[in-house]
Amino acid sequence: MAKLKPVQLGLSLGISLVIIYILRTVIFWIFPNLIVNLARKLPYDMAFIKPAVILPSAFVTGIILLLAIGLAFGYVFALVYNRIAK
């Protein structure tokens, strides 16, 4: 079996999470009531939900955290996989 490269796998996962996060945020900015309208259609009472307000500082913090978490989990995953695959 081919060995996984921990840093490359971690960066791939981190960058993928950041791309998904950016797309999600853009959708929230373009359609701010989308999630609210979907939540109100659920069978339990979600009438109190308001559209999300995403501050630029929270957006940047989210990107940094997702990149770091993706890097860490991808790195650990590759190490465990390589150890088990021996």
Protein backbone atom coordinates (compact mmCIF):
# COMPACT_ATOMS: atom_id res chain seq x y z
CA MET A 1 0.00 0.00 0.00
CA ALA A 2 1.14 3.52 -0.73
CA LYS A 3 2.00 5.67 2.24
CA LEU A 4 0.13 8.90 2.78
CA LYS A 5 2.11 12.09 3.19
CA PRO A 6 0.83 13.66 6.43
CA VAL A 7 1.51 17.32 5.60
CA GLN A 8 0.00 17.09 2.13
CA LEU A 9 -3.09 15.28 3.39
CA GLY A 10 -3.50 17.79 6.21
CA LEU A 11 -3.18 20.76 3.87
CA SER A 12 -5.62 19.18 1.43
CA LEU A 13 -8.21 18.67 4.15
CA GLY A 14 -7.64 22.15 5.60
CA ILE A 15 -7.93 23.87 2.23
CA SER A 16 -11.04 21.85 1.37
CA LEU A 17 -12.70 22.89 4.64
CA VAL A 18 -11.80 26.54 4.00
CA ILE A 19 -13.30 26.42 0.49
CA ILE A 20 -16.53 24.90 1.84
CA TYR A 21 -16.62 27.53 4.61
CA ILE A 22 -16.17 30.37 2.12
CA LEU A 23 -18.93 29.00 -0.11
CA ARG A 24 -21.24 28.64 2.90
CA THR A 25 -20.52 32.21 3.98
CA VAL A 26 -21.12 33.59 0.50
CA ILE A 27 -24.47 31.77 0.40
CA PHE A 28 -25.37 33.30 3.79
CA TRP A 29 -24.45 36.77 2.51
CA ILE A 30 -26.40 36.38 -0.75
CA PHE A 31 -29.44 34.64 0.80
CA PRO A 32 -29.56 35.74 4.45
CA ASN A 33 -33.04 34.33 5.09
CA LEU A 34 -32.44 30.94 3.47
CA ILE A 35 -31.54 29.10 6.68
CA VAL A 36 -34.25 30.92 8.63
CA ASN A 37 -36.93 29.90 6.14
CA LEU A 38 -35.68 26.31 6.08
CA ALA A 39 -35.60 26.11 9.88
CA ARG A 40 -39.14 27.44 10.17
CA LYS A 41 -40.38 24.54 8.05
CA LEU A 42 -39.10 22.00 10.54
CA PRO A 43 -41.72 20.31 12.72
CA TYR A 44 -40.50 21.88 15.95
CA ASP A 45 -40.81 25.54 16.88
CA MET A 46 -37.96 27.53 15.29
CA ALA A 47 -39.77 30.87 14.99
CA PHE A 48 -37.15 32.68 17.08
CA ILE A 49 -34.28 32.08 14.61
CA LYS A 50 -32.87 35.21 12.98
CA PRO A 51 -30.55 35.50 9.96
CA ALA A 52 -26.89 34.97 10.81
CA VAL A 53 -24.65 38.02 11.04
CA ILE A 54 -21.11 37.14 10.05
CA LEU A 55 -18.54 39.72 11.05
CA PRO A 56 -15.31 40.01 9.04
CA SER A 57 -13.24 39.15 12.12
CA ALA A 58 -15.31 36.02 12.74
CA PHE A 59 -14.97 35.08 9.07
CA VAL A 60 -11.17 35.32 9.19
CA THR A 61 -11.07 33.47 12.51
CA GLY A 62 -13.18 30.69 11.00
CA ILE A 63 -10.84 30.36 8.04
CA ILE A 64 -7.76 30.17 10.26
CA LEU A 65 -9.35 27.66 12.65
CA LEU A 66 -10.66 25.42 9.88
CA LEU A 67 -7.29 25.40 8.16
CA ALA A 68 -5.50 24.53 11.41
CA ILE A 69 -8.04 21.87 12.42
CA GLY A 70 -8.00 20.33 8.94
CA LEU A 71 -4.21 20.27 8.94
CA ALA A 72 -4.10 18.63 12.37
CA PHE A 73 -6.76 16.00 11.63
CA GLY A 74 -5.33 15.20 8.20
CA TYR A 75 -1.84 14.87 9.66
CA VAL A 76 -3.01 12.54 12.44
CA PHE A 77 -5.13 10.54 10.00
CA ALA A 78 -2.15 9.99 7.69
CA LEU A 79 0.08 8.94 10.59
CA VAL A 80 -2.49 6.44 11.88
CA TYR A 81 -3.16 5.12 8.39
CA ASN A 82 0.54 4.66 7.67
CA ARG A 83 1.07 2.85 10.98
CA ILE A 84 -1.91 0.51 10.41
CA ALA A 85 -0.99 -0.14 6.76
CA LYS A 86 2.46 -1.53 7.67
